Amino acid sequence: MILNRDEYLRRLLDRYCELPHTAARRPSRNDRLLAGQLFQRRIPLDVIETAFLLAIARRTFRDPQAQPLPSIRSLAYFLPLIDEALRQPPDPDYLAYVRSRGDLNVQSPTELHDR
């Protein structure tokens, strides 16, 4: 399914604001600008969703004795993980396993596309 720019931005930014560990209830101006750049770069939403999943999993499953991390305050936080997912996509079985944990609240790419 090919999305127009407005629909792409709406889905991406809505999902970003729904993620655990984020402080955003509404996307900032910089978040909207970055989302537009991701659209221009033709970054698929499933790649962005993979970056969301990796980030939230790494934050959730880190050493419980470690200092708590501050909330994610910008969509830019995910840029290195988007690049990572483009460069070296994670094994689909690993992503399915992480999603199956149930404690991440991160939707599958299909759910992000179909909303």
C-alpha atoms as a PDB file:
ATOM      1  CA  MET A   1       0.000   0.000   0.000  1.00  0.00           C
ATOM      2  CA  ILE A   2       1.423   3.364  -1.038  1.00  0.00           C
ATOM      3  CA  LEU A   3       0.620   6.218   1.299  1.00  0.00           C
ATOM      4  CA  ASN A   4       0.473   9.880   0.464  1.00  0.00           C
ATOM      5  CA  ARG A   5       2.621  12.247   2.494  1.00  0.00           C
ATOM      6  CA  ASP A   6      -0.111  13.304   4.922  1.00  0.00           C
ATOM      7  CA  GLU A   7      -1.140   9.734   5.720  1.00  0.00           C
ATOM      8  CA  TYR A   8       2.492   8.631   6.121  1.00  0.00           C
ATOM      9  CA  LEU A   9       3.197  11.487   8.534  1.00  0.00           C
ATOM     10  CA  ARG A  10      -0.006  10.906  10.482  1.00  0.00           C
ATOM     11  CA  ARG A  11       0.686   7.198  10.974  1.00  0.00           C
ATOM     12  CA  LEU A  12       4.341   7.679  11.844  1.00  0.00           C
ATOM     13  CA  LEU A  13       3.779  10.539  14.287  1.00  0.00           C
ATOM     14  CA  ASP A  14       0.731   8.964  15.930  1.00  0.00           C
ATOM     15  CA  ARG A  15       2.688   5.785  16.530  1.00  0.00           C
ATOM     16  CA  TYR A  16       5.726   7.657  17.828  1.00  0.00           C
ATOM     17  CA  CYS A  17       3.578   9.492  20.381  1.00  0.00           C
ATOM     18  CA  GLU A  18       1.978   6.193  21.513  1.00  0.00           C
ATOM     19  CA  LEU A  19       5.282   4.446  22.205  1.00  0.00           C
ATOM     20  CA  PRO A  20       6.298   3.605  25.738  1.00  0.00           C
ATOM     21  CA  HIS A  21       9.357   5.519  26.979  1.00  0.00           C
ATOM     22  CA  THR A  22       8.439   8.643  24.990  1.00  0.00           C
ATOM     23  CA  ALA A  23       7.516  11.942  26.571  1.00  0.00           C
ATOM     24  CA  ALA A  24       5.614  13.226  23.531  1.00  0.00           C
ATOM     25  CA  ARG A  25       1.862  13.475  23.656  1.00  0.00           C
ATOM     26  CA  ARG A  26       1.948  15.557  20.500  1.00  0.00           C
ATOM     27  CA  PRO A  27       4.757  15.659  17.958  1.00  0.00           C
ATOM     28  CA  SER A  28       6.954  18.728  18.071  1.00  0.00           C
ATOM     29  CA  ARG A  29       7.648  20.909  15.074  1.00  0.00           C
ATOM     30  CA  ASN A  30      11.051  19.202  14.730  1.00  0.00           C
ATOM     31  CA  ASP A  31       9.389  15.773  14.863  1.00  0.00           C
ATOM     32  CA  ARG A  32       7.042  16.782  12.038  1.00  0.00           C
ATOM     33  CA  LEU A  33       9.953  18.120   9.979  1.00  0.00           C
ATOM     34  CA  LEU A  34      11.934  14.926  10.518  1.00  0.00           C
ATOM     35  CA  ALA A  35       8.930  12.781   9.597  1.00  0.00           C
ATOM     36  CA  GLY A  36       8.690  14.750   6.352  1.00  0.00           C
ATOM     37  CA  GLN A  37      12.365  14.083   5.673  1.00  0.00           C
ATOM     38  CA  LEU A  38      11.853  10.360   6.280  1.00  0.00           C
ATOM     39  CA  PHE A  39       8.987  10.443   3.769  1.00  0.00           C
ATOM     40  CA  GLN A  40      11.218  12.249   1.246  1.00  0.00           C
ATOM     41  CA  ARG A  41      13.909   9.619   1.792  1.00  0.00           C
ATOM     42  CA  ARG A  42      11.233   6.980   1.113  1.00  0.00           C
ATOM     43  CA  ILE A  43      11.938   5.169   4.362  1.00  0.00           C
ATOM     44  CA  PRO A  44       9.258   2.461   4.615  1.00  0.00           C
ATOM     45  CA  LEU A  45       7.065   2.558   7.698  1.00  0.00           C
ATOM     46  CA  ASP A  46       7.990  -1.042   8.481  1.00  0.00           C
ATOM     47  CA  VAL A  47      11.657   0.009   8.764  1.00  0.00           C
ATOM     48  CA  ILE A  48      10.677   2.798  11.141  1.00  0.00           C
ATOM     49  CA  GLU A  49       8.521   0.395  13.135  1.00  0.00           C
ATOM     50  CA  THR A  50      11.507  -1.972  13.352  1.00  0.00           C
ATOM     51  CA  ALA A  51      13.598   0.903  14.737  1.00  0.00           C
ATOM     52  CA  PHE A  52      10.863   1.652  17.278  1.00  0.00           C
ATOM     53  CA  LEU A  53      10.759  -2.007  18.292  1.00  0.00           C
ATOM     54  CA  LEU A  54      14.539  -2.282  18.665  1.00  0.00           C
ATOM     55  CA  ALA A  55      14.772   0.888  20.736  1.00  0.00           C
ATOM     56  CA  ILE A  56      11.926   0.006  23.069  1.00  0.00           C
ATOM     57  CA  ALA A  57      13.191  -3.577  23.466  1.00  0.00           C
ATOM     58  CA  ARG A  58      16.699  -2.407  24.311  1.00  0.00           C
ATOM     59  CA  ARG A  59      15.358   0.047  26.863  1.00  0.00           C
ATOM     60  CA  THR A  60      12.907  -2.464  28.365  1.00  0.00           C
ATOM     61  CA  PHE A  61      15.283  -5.427  28.604  1.00  0.00           C
ATOM     62  CA  ARG A  62      18.341  -3.586  29.927  1.00  0.00           C
ATOM     63  CA  ASP A  63      19.905  -4.378  33.278  1.00  0.00           C
ATOM     64  CA  PRO A  64      17.340  -3.576  35.974  1.00  0.00           C
ATOM     65  CA  GLN A  65      20.167  -2.410  38.242  1.00  0.00           C
ATOM     66  CA  ALA A  66      21.223   0.286  35.749  1.00  0.00           C
ATOM     67  CA  GLN A  67      20.258   3.924  36.210  1.00  0.00           C
ATOM     68  CA  PRO A  68      16.835   4.653  34.693  1.00  0.00           C
ATOM     69  CA  LEU A  69      17.001   6.251  31.269  1.00  0.00           C
ATOM     70  CA  PRO A  70      15.303   9.578  30.621  1.00  0.00           C
ATOM     71  CA  SER A  71      12.222   9.634  28.413  1.00  0.00           C
ATOM     72  CA  ILE A  72      12.664   9.777  24.651  1.00  0.00           C
ATOM     73  CA  ARG A  73      11.939  13.379  23.722  1.00  0.00           C
ATOM     74  CA  SER A  74      12.485  13.407  19.967  1.00  0.00           C
ATOM     75  CA  LEU A  75      11.831  11.293  16.905  1.00  0.00           C
ATOM     76  CA  ALA A  76      15.501  11.939  16.107  1.00  0.00           C
ATOM     77  CA  TYR A  77      16.381   9.456  18.877  1.00  0.00           C
ATOM     78  CA  PHE A  78      15.417   6.687  16.441  1.00  0.00           C
ATOM     79  CA  LEU A  79      17.572   7.832  13.487  1.00  0.00           C
ATOM     80  CA  PRO A  80      20.574   5.588  14.297  1.00  0.00           C
ATOM     81  CA  LEU A  81      18.220   2.618  14.643  1.00  0.00           C
ATOM     82  CA  ILE A  82      16.485   3.447  11.359  1.00  0.00           C
ATOM     83  CA  ASP A  83      19.910   3.498   9.682  1.00  0.00           C
ATOM     84  CA  GLU A  84      20.788   0.230  11.426  1.00  0.00           C
ATOM     85  CA  ALA A  85      17.554  -1.413  10.238  1.00  0.00           C
ATOM     86  CA  LEU A  86      18.236  -0.253   6.667  1.00  0.00           C
ATOM     87  CA  ARG A  87      21.880  -1.364   6.719  1.00  0.00           C
ATOM     88  CA  GLN A  88      21.392  -4.673   8.460  1.00  0.00           C
ATOM     89  CA  PRO A  89      17.748  -5.691   8.921  1.00  0.00           C
ATOM     90  CA  PRO A  90      17.237  -7.843  12.020  1.00  0.00           C
ATOM     91  CA  ASP A  91      16.229 -11.461  11.627  1.00  0.00           C
ATOM     92  CA  PRO A  92      12.410 -11.657  11.280  1.00  0.00           C
ATOM     93  CA  ASP A  93      12.349 -14.471  13.866  1.00  0.00           C
ATOM     94  CA  TYR A  94      14.057 -12.192  16.381  1.00  0.00           C
ATOM     95  CA  LEU A  95      11.523  -9.431  15.716  1.00  0.00           C
ATOM     96  CA  ALA A  96       8.664 -11.911  16.116  1.00  0.00           C
ATOM     97  CA  TYR A  97      10.154 -13.088  19.398  1.00  0.00           C
ATOM     98  CA  VAL A  98      10.507  -9.557  20.730  1.00  0.00           C
ATOM     99  CA  ARG A  99       6.936  -8.714  19.701  1.00  0.00           C
ATOM    100  CA  SER A 100       5.677 -11.908  21.341  1.00  0.00           C
ATOM    101  CA  ARG A 101       7.007 -10.738  24.695  1.00  0.00           C
ATOM    102  CA  GLY A 102       3.869  -8.634  25.048  1.00  0.00           C
ATOM    103  CA  ASP A 103       5.457  -6.127  27.414  1.00  0.00           C
ATOM    104  CA  LEU A 104       6.639  -3.697  24.741  1.00  0.00           C
ATOM    105  CA  ASN A 105       3.381  -2.305  23.321  1.00  0.00           C
ATOM    106  CA  VAL A 106       4.947  -2.056  19.862  1.00  0.00           C
ATOM    107  CA  GLN A 107       2.696  -2.924  16.954  1.00  0.00           C
ATOM    108  CA  SER A 108       3.626  -4.985  13.947  1.00  0.00           C
ATOM    109  CA  PRO A 109       4.397  -3.108  10.710  1.00  0.00           C
ATOM    110  CA  THR A 110       1.093  -4.329   9.248  1.00  0.00           C
ATOM    111  CA  GLU A 111      -0.813  -2.674  12.068  1.00  0.00           C
ATOM    112  CA  LEU A 112       1.045   0.580  11.481  1.00  0.00           C
ATOM    113  CA  HIS A 113       0.194   0.426   7.761  1.00  0.00           C
ATOM    114  CA  ASP A 114      -3.471  -0.520   8.198  1.00  0.00           C
ATOM    115  CA  ARG A 115      -4.546   2.051  10.741  1.00  0.00           C
END
